[in-house]
Amino acid sequence: MPRPREFDEDRVVLAVRDAFWDQGYAATSMDDLLRVSGLGKGSLYGAFGDKRRLFLRVLREYDDANLRGLRERLGSAARGVDMVREFVLGVADDPTGAAARRGCLLANSTAELATSSPDVAAEARRSYEAITAILTEALERAQREGDVDPDAYAAEVARAVLAAQLGVVALGRTGMDVAVLTEVARSALARLLPAPSP
């Protein structure tokens, strides 16, 4: 009979996630993971497998949490267009710019690993397709509410909104001033969200 785990698995996963998020996959060593998890090598490997398997688990859990959050925001938004705007403008929400400089774990990981890791590329496609579907729902709702041109193809606009948000994330990683980043996001939204004809 296996012994019960003597550590908080959720706490370990969050600590490991933050190490990968702050340093990137390649720059995060096993020693870093042992230090932040507080586990010995045998316990870490026994519970989570090697560094790659642990990273893929962390990335999947991060993506799933983001998707749940987006669904909740869509459900609670006063208007569909508000959720779309929040999705793009949220990158610059932190006035210190720290969140923008940290970026998004999925976007960071995709930039670092997608060309060399089919698993990361597949996870990115899965997550971005799910985000596009949620944005499409929000835009279709915005069309019904009269905030977006009813003749616009919502799925195409959703993909463009996602591309704009990823661009804002990339610019935020450079340390761009938050006020400028916000203006970039607003400008992109003004061009991407076609208003209904008068």
C-alpha atoms as a PDB file:
ATOM      1  CA  MET A   1       0.000   0.000   0.000  1.00  0.00           C
ATOM      2  CA  PRO A   2       1.558   3.354  -1.023  1.00  0.00           C
ATOM      3  CA  ARG A   3       2.263   5.874   1.703  1.00  0.00           C
ATOM      4  CA  PRO A   4       0.071   8.989   1.675  1.00  0.00           C
ATOM      5  CA  ARG A   5       1.803  12.140   0.459  1.00  0.00           C
ATOM      6  CA  GLU A   6       3.121  14.309   3.230  1.00  0.00           C
ATOM      7  CA  PHE A   7       3.019  17.573   1.309  1.00  0.00           C
ATOM      8  CA  ASP A   8       0.421  19.922  -0.142  1.00  0.00           C
ATOM      9  CA  GLU A   9       0.401  19.025  -3.829  1.00  0.00           C
ATOM     10  CA  ASP A  10      -1.454  22.199  -4.873  1.00  0.00           C
ATOM     11  CA  ARG A  11       1.080  24.389  -3.047  1.00  0.00           C
ATOM     12  CA  VAL A  12       3.963  22.571  -4.727  1.00  0.00           C
ATOM     13  CA  VAL A  13       2.403  22.923  -8.183  1.00  0.00           C
ATOM     14  CA  LEU A  14       1.859  26.667  -7.656  1.00  0.00           C
ATOM     15  CA  ALA A  15       5.418  27.181  -6.418  1.00  0.00           C
ATOM     16  CA  VAL A  16       6.811  25.270  -9.395  1.00  0.00           C
ATOM     17  CA  ARG A  17       4.507  27.169 -11.761  1.00  0.00           C
ATOM     18  CA  ASP A  18       5.848  30.475 -10.478  1.00  0.00           C
ATOM     19  CA  ALA A  19       9.446  29.340 -10.957  1.00  0.00           C
ATOM     20  CA  PHE A  20       8.777  28.372 -14.579  1.00  0.00           C
ATOM     21  CA  TRP A  21       6.761  31.558 -15.136  1.00  0.00           C
ATOM     22  CA  ASP A  22       9.447  33.857 -13.739  1.00  0.00           C
ATOM     23  CA  GLN A  23      12.498  32.174 -15.273  1.00  0.00           C
ATOM     24  CA  GLY A  24      11.247  30.197 -18.263  1.00  0.00           C
ATOM     25  CA  TYR A  25      11.577  26.480 -18.821  1.00  0.00           C
ATOM     26  CA  ALA A  26      15.228  26.296 -19.862  1.00  0.00           C
ATOM     27  CA  ALA A  27      16.494  28.611 -17.121  1.00  0.00           C
ATOM     28  CA  THR A  28      14.651  26.722 -14.364  1.00  0.00           C
ATOM     29  CA  SER A  29      16.896  23.968 -13.051  1.00  0.00           C
ATOM     30  CA  MET A  30      15.945  20.900 -11.068  1.00  0.00           C
ATOM     31  CA  ASP A  31      17.724  22.529  -8.122  1.00  0.00           C
ATOM     32  CA  ASP A  32      15.359  25.513  -8.488  1.00  0.00           C
ATOM     33  CA  LEU A  33      12.373  23.172  -8.495  1.00  0.00           C
ATOM     34  CA  LEU A  34      13.606  21.304  -5.434  1.00  0.00           C
ATOM     35  CA  ARG A  35      14.202  24.593  -3.622  1.00  0.00           C
ATOM     36  CA  VAL A  36      10.784  26.142  -4.359  1.00  0.00           C
ATOM     37  CA  SER A  37       8.872  22.906  -3.785  1.00  0.00           C
ATOM     38  CA  GLY A  38      10.655  22.068  -0.553  1.00  0.00           C
ATOM     39  CA  LEU A  39      10.792  18.428  -1.694  1.00  0.00           C
ATOM     40  CA  GLY A  40      13.674  16.050  -2.086  1.00  0.00           C
ATOM     41  CA  LYS A  41      14.528  14.711  -5.527  1.00  0.00           C
ATOM     42  CA  GLY A  42      12.912  11.326  -4.890  1.00  0.00           C
ATOM     43  CA  SER A  43       9.655  12.889  -3.680  1.00  0.00           C
ATOM     44  CA  LEU A  44       9.480  15.340  -6.566  1.00  0.00           C
ATOM     45  CA  TYR A  45      10.183  12.685  -9.204  1.00  0.00           C
ATOM     46  CA  GLY A  46       7.911  10.167  -7.498  1.00  0.00           C
ATOM     47  CA  ALA A  47       4.989  12.571  -7.366  1.00  0.00           C
ATOM     48  CA  PHE A  48       5.369  14.450 -10.646  1.00  0.00           C
ATOM     49  CA  GLY A  49       7.877  12.698 -12.887  1.00  0.00           C
ATOM     50  CA  ASP A  50      10.698  14.556 -14.594  1.00  0.00           C
ATOM     51  CA  LYS A  51      11.011  18.294 -15.236  1.00  0.00           C
ATOM     52  CA  ARG A  52       9.263  18.078 -18.608  1.00  0.00           C
ATOM     53  CA  ARG A  53       6.233  16.187 -17.282  1.00  0.00           C
ATOM     54  CA  LEU A  54       5.983  18.566 -14.343  1.00  0.00           C
ATOM     55  CA  PHE A  55       6.143  21.576 -16.681  1.00  0.00           C
ATOM     56  CA  LEU A  56       3.430  20.180 -18.963  1.00  0.00           C
ATOM     57  CA  ARG A  57       1.189  19.544 -15.971  1.00  0.00           C
ATOM     58  CA  VAL A  58       1.754  23.084 -14.670  1.00  0.00           C
ATOM     59  CA  LEU A  59       1.050  24.572 -18.102  1.00  0.00           C
ATOM     60  CA  ARG A  60      -2.161  22.545 -18.540  1.00  0.00           C
ATOM     61  CA  GLU A  61      -3.436  23.522 -15.081  1.00  0.00           C
ATOM     62  CA  TYR A  62      -2.587  27.184 -15.738  1.00  0.00           C
ATOM     63  CA  ASP A  63      -4.444  27.086 -19.060  1.00  0.00           C
ATOM     64  CA  ASP A  64      -7.471  25.336 -17.584  1.00  0.00           C
ATOM     65  CA  ALA A  65      -7.682  27.902 -14.767  1.00  0.00           C
ATOM     66  CA  ASN A  66      -7.504  30.747 -17.294  1.00  0.00           C
ATOM     67  CA  LEU A  67     -10.258  29.191 -19.398  1.00  0.00           C
ATOM     68  CA  ARG A  68     -12.489  28.778 -16.339  1.00  0.00           C
ATOM     69  CA  GLY A  69     -11.821  32.419 -15.440  1.00  0.00           C
ATOM     70  CA  LEU A  70     -12.703  33.609 -18.944  1.00  0.00           C
ATOM     71  CA  ARG A  71     -15.956  31.612 -18.895  1.00  0.00           C
ATOM     72  CA  GLU A  72     -16.842  33.125 -15.510  1.00  0.00           C
ATOM     73  CA  ARG A  73     -16.064  36.630 -16.783  1.00  0.00           C
ATOM     74  CA  LEU A  74     -18.272  36.056 -19.817  1.00  0.00           C
ATOM     75  CA  GLY A  75     -21.084  34.863 -17.555  1.00  0.00           C
ATOM     76  CA  SER A  76     -20.796  37.818 -15.196  1.00  0.00           C
ATOM     77  CA  ALA A  77     -20.066  40.612 -17.716  1.00  0.00           C
ATOM     78  CA  ALA A  78     -22.832  43.185 -18.017  1.00  0.00           C
ATOM     79  CA  ARG A  79     -22.349  43.138 -21.801  1.00  0.00           C
ATOM     80  CA  GLY A  80     -20.475  40.808 -24.136  1.00  0.00           C
ATOM     81  CA  VAL A  81     -18.322  43.620 -25.491  1.00  0.00           C
ATOM     82  CA  ASP A  82     -17.178  44.452 -21.927  1.00  0.00           C
ATOM     83  CA  MET A  83     -15.660  40.989 -21.539  1.00  0.00           C
ATOM     84  CA  VAL A  84     -13.796  41.334 -24.863  1.00  0.00           C
ATOM     85  CA  ARG A  85     -12.419  44.735 -23.887  1.00  0.00           C
ATOM     86  CA  GLU A  86     -11.397  43.476 -20.450  1.00  0.00           C
ATOM     87  CA  PHE A  87      -9.592  40.531 -22.076  1.00  0.00           C
ATOM     88  CA  VAL A  88      -7.323  42.870 -24.057  1.00  0.00           C
ATOM     89  CA  LEU A  89      -7.025  45.731 -21.558  1.00  0.00           C
ATOM     90  CA  GLY A  90      -6.425  43.428 -18.577  1.00  0.00           C
ATOM     91  CA  VAL A  91      -2.790  43.001 -19.606  1.00  0.00           C
ATOM     92  CA  ALA A  92      -2.120  46.572 -18.462  1.00  0.00           C
ATOM     93  CA  ASP A  93      -4.277  46.466 -15.291  1.00  0.00           C
ATOM     94  CA  ASP A  94      -1.364  46.612 -12.831  1.00  0.00           C
ATOM     95  CA  PRO A  95      -0.227  50.275 -12.582  1.00  0.00           C
ATOM     96  CA  THR A  96       3.287  49.165 -11.548  1.00  0.00           C
ATOM     97  CA  GLY A  97       3.737  47.276 -14.822  1.00  0.00           C
ATOM     98  CA  ALA A  98       4.992  44.178 -12.954  1.00  0.00           C
ATOM     99  CA  ALA A  99       2.219  41.920 -14.265  1.00  0.00           C
ATOM    100  CA  ALA A 100       2.769  43.133 -17.827  1.00  0.00           C
ATOM    101  CA  ARG A 101       6.515  42.475 -17.577  1.00  0.00           C
ATOM    102  CA  ARG A 102       5.836  38.978 -16.242  1.00  0.00           C
ATOM    103  CA  GLY A 103       3.556  38.259 -19.174  1.00  0.00           C
ATOM    104  CA  CYS A 104       1.440  35.158 -19.590  1.00  0.00           C
ATOM    105  CA  LEU A 105       2.860  31.710 -18.819  1.00  0.00           C
ATOM    106  CA  LEU A 106       1.259  30.244 -21.952  1.00  0.00           C
ATOM    107  CA  ALA A 107       2.479  33.038 -24.247  1.00  0.00           C
ATOM    108  CA  ASN A 108       5.967  32.966 -22.700  1.00  0.00           C
ATOM    109  CA  SER A 109       6.163  29.184 -22.984  1.00  0.00           C
ATOM    110  CA  THR A 110       4.878  29.184 -26.547  1.00  0.00           C
ATOM    111  CA  ALA A 111       7.519  31.715 -27.584  1.00  0.00           C
ATOM    112  CA  GLU A 112      10.251  29.719 -25.847  1.00  0.00           C
ATOM    113  CA  LEU A 113       9.281  26.143 -26.695  1.00  0.00           C
ATOM    114  CA  ALA A 114       6.623  25.715 -29.395  1.00  0.00           C
ATOM    115  CA  THR A 115       9.102  25.183 -32.238  1.00  0.00           C
ATOM    116  CA  SER A 116      11.072  22.546 -30.320  1.00  0.00           C
ATOM    117  CA  SER A 117       8.317  20.910 -28.276  1.00  0.00           C
ATOM    118  CA  PRO A 118       5.278  19.434 -30.050  1.00  0.00           C
ATOM    119  CA  ASP A 119       3.603  18.953 -26.647  1.00  0.00           C
ATOM    120  CA  VAL A 120       3.818  22.676 -25.851  1.00  0.00           C
ATOM    121  CA  ALA A 121       2.665  23.618 -29.366  1.00  0.00           C
ATOM    122  CA  ALA A 122      -0.333  21.267 -29.022  1.00  0.00           C
ATOM    123  CA  GLU A 123      -1.230  22.684 -25.610  1.00  0.00           C
ATOM    124  CA  ALA A 124      -0.985  26.229 -26.973  1.00  0.00           C
ATOM    125  CA  ARG A 125      -3.268  25.367 -29.903  1.00  0.00           C
ATOM    126  CA  ARG A 126      -5.781  23.709 -27.563  1.00  0.00           C
ATOM    127  CA  SER A 127      -5.847  26.694 -25.235  1.00  0.00           C
ATOM    128  CA  TYR A 128      -5.926  29.355 -27.955  1.00  0.00           C
ATOM    129  CA  GLU A 129      -8.758  27.539 -29.757  1.00  0.00           C
ATOM    130  CA  ALA A 130     -10.744  27.427 -26.502  1.00  0.00           C
ATOM    131  CA  ILE A 131     -10.076  31.143 -25.868  1.00  0.00           C
ATOM    132  CA  THR A 132     -11.197  31.922 -29.430  1.00  0.00           C
ATOM    133  CA  ALA A 133     -14.431  29.998 -28.844  1.00  0.00           C
ATOM    134  CA  ILE A 134     -15.157  31.972 -25.654  1.00  0.00           C
ATOM    135  CA  LEU A 135     -14.365  35.285 -27.379  1.00  0.00           C
ATOM    136  CA  THR A 136     -16.619  34.257 -30.277  1.00  0.00           C
ATOM    137  CA  GLU A 137     -19.472  33.688 -27.811  1.00  0.00           C
ATOM    138  CA  ALA A 138     -18.824  37.103 -26.259  1.00  0.00           C
ATOM    139  CA  LEU A 139     -18.813  38.779 -29.660  1.00  0.00           C
ATOM    140  CA  GLU A 140     -21.992  37.019 -30.779  1.00  0.00           C
ATOM    141  CA  ARG A 141     -23.610  38.240 -27.574  1.00  0.00           C
ATOM    142  CA  ALA A 142     -22.277  41.758 -28.296  1.00  0.00           C
ATOM    143  CA  GLN A 143     -23.857  41.542 -31.751  1.00  0.00           C
ATOM    144  CA  ARG A 144     -27.230  40.608 -30.239  1.00  0.00           C
ATOM    145  CA  GLU A 145     -26.848  43.465 -27.727  1.00  0.00           C
ATOM    146  CA  GLY A 146     -26.191  45.946 -30.547  1.00  0.00           C
ATOM    147  CA  ASP A 147     -22.555  46.757 -29.624  1.00  0.00           C
ATOM    148  CA  VAL A 148     -20.839  45.063 -32.578  1.00  0.00           C
ATOM    149  CA  ASP A 149     -21.789  45.015 -36.258  1.00  0.00           C
ATOM    150  CA  PRO A 150     -24.164  42.066 -36.711  1.00  0.00           C
ATOM    151  CA  ASP A 151     -22.650  41.344 -40.135  1.00  0.00           C
ATOM    152  CA  ALA A 152     -19.121  40.869 -38.766  1.00  0.00           C
ATOM    153  CA  TYR A 153     -17.887  37.259 -38.685  1.00  0.00           C
ATOM    154  CA  ALA A 154     -17.525  36.803 -34.920  1.00  0.00           C
ATOM    155  CA  ALA A 155     -14.971  33.954 -35.107  1.00  0.00           C
ATOM    156  CA  GLU A 156     -12.641  36.006 -37.338  1.00  0.00           C
ATOM    157  CA  VAL A 157     -12.935  39.019 -35.049  1.00  0.00           C
ATOM    158  CA  ALA A 158     -12.268  36.731 -32.053  1.00  0.00           C
ATOM    159  CA  ARG A 159      -9.026  35.455 -33.615  1.00  0.00           C
ATOM    160  CA  ALA A 160      -7.949  39.029 -34.347  1.00  0.00           C
ATOM    161  CA  VAL A 161      -8.750  40.054 -30.748  1.00  0.00           C
ATOM    162  CA  LEU A 162      -6.662  37.136 -29.448  1.00  0.00           C
ATOM    163  CA  ALA A 163      -3.773  38.140 -31.743  1.00  0.00           C
ATOM    164  CA  ALA A 164      -4.016  41.733 -30.492  1.00  0.00           C
ATOM    165  CA  GLN A 165      -4.020  40.593 -26.860  1.00  0.00           C
ATOM    166  CA  LEU A 166      -0.953  38.433 -27.464  1.00  0.00           C
ATOM    167  CA  GLY A 167       0.751  41.417 -29.075  1.00  0.00           C
ATOM    168  CA  VAL A 168      -0.036  43.561 -26.038  1.00  0.00           C
ATOM    169  CA  VAL A 169       1.352  40.780 -23.813  1.00  0.00           C
ATOM    170  CA  ALA A 170       4.578  40.703 -25.859  1.00  0.00           C
ATOM    171  CA  LEU A 171       4.949  44.493 -25.661  1.00  0.00           C
ATOM    172  CA  GLY A 172       4.301  44.385 -21.917  1.00  0.00           C
ATOM    173  CA  ARG A 173       7.214  41.959 -21.492  1.00  0.00           C
ATOM    174  CA  THR A 174       9.541  44.662 -22.848  1.00  0.00           C
ATOM    175  CA  GLY A 175       8.739  46.974 -19.937  1.00  0.00           C
ATOM    176  CA  MET A 176       6.682  49.383 -22.050  1.00  0.00           C
ATOM    177  CA  ASP A 177       5.069  52.088 -19.941  1.00  0.00           C
ATOM    178  CA  VAL A 178       1.634  50.962 -18.747  1.00  0.00           C
ATOM    179  CA  ALA A 179      -0.078  54.119 -20.057  1.00  0.00           C
ATOM    180  CA  VAL A 180       1.355  53.505 -23.528  1.00  0.00           C
ATOM    181  CA  LEU A 181       0.445  49.812 -23.323  1.00  0.00           C
ATOM    182  CA  THR A 182      -3.132  50.745 -22.423  1.00  0.00           C
ATOM    183  CA  GLU A 183      -3.339  53.112 -25.388  1.00  0.00           C
ATOM    184  CA  VAL A 184      -2.042  50.381 -27.695  1.00  0.00           C
ATOM    185  CA  ALA A 185      -4.726  48.012 -26.391  1.00  0.00           C
ATOM    186  CA  ARG A 186      -7.487  50.622 -26.754  1.00  0.00           C
ATOM    187  CA  SER A 187      -6.374  51.489 -30.268  1.00  0.00           C
ATOM    188  CA  ALA A 188      -6.399  47.819 -31.281  1.00  0.00           C
ATOM    189  CA  LEU A 189      -9.883  47.346 -29.837  1.00  0.00           C
ATOM    190  CA  ALA A 190     -11.209  50.426 -31.625  1.00  0.00           C
ATOM    191  CA  ARG A 191     -10.092  48.935 -34.935  1.00  0.00           C
ATOM    192  CA  LEU A 192     -11.130  45.350 -34.217  1.00  0.00           C
ATOM    193  CA  LEU A 193     -14.634  45.824 -32.845  1.00  0.00           C
ATOM    194  CA  PRO A 194     -16.744  47.023 -35.772  1.00  0.00           C
ATOM    195  CA  ALA A 195     -19.596  49.189 -34.555  1.00  0.00           C
ATOM    196  CA  PRO A 196     -23.079  48.614 -35.935  1.00  0.00           C
ATOM    197  CA  SER A 197     -24.056  50.782 -38.885  1.00  0.00           C
ATOM    198  CA  PRO A 198     -26.209  53.771 -37.883  1.00  0.00           C
END
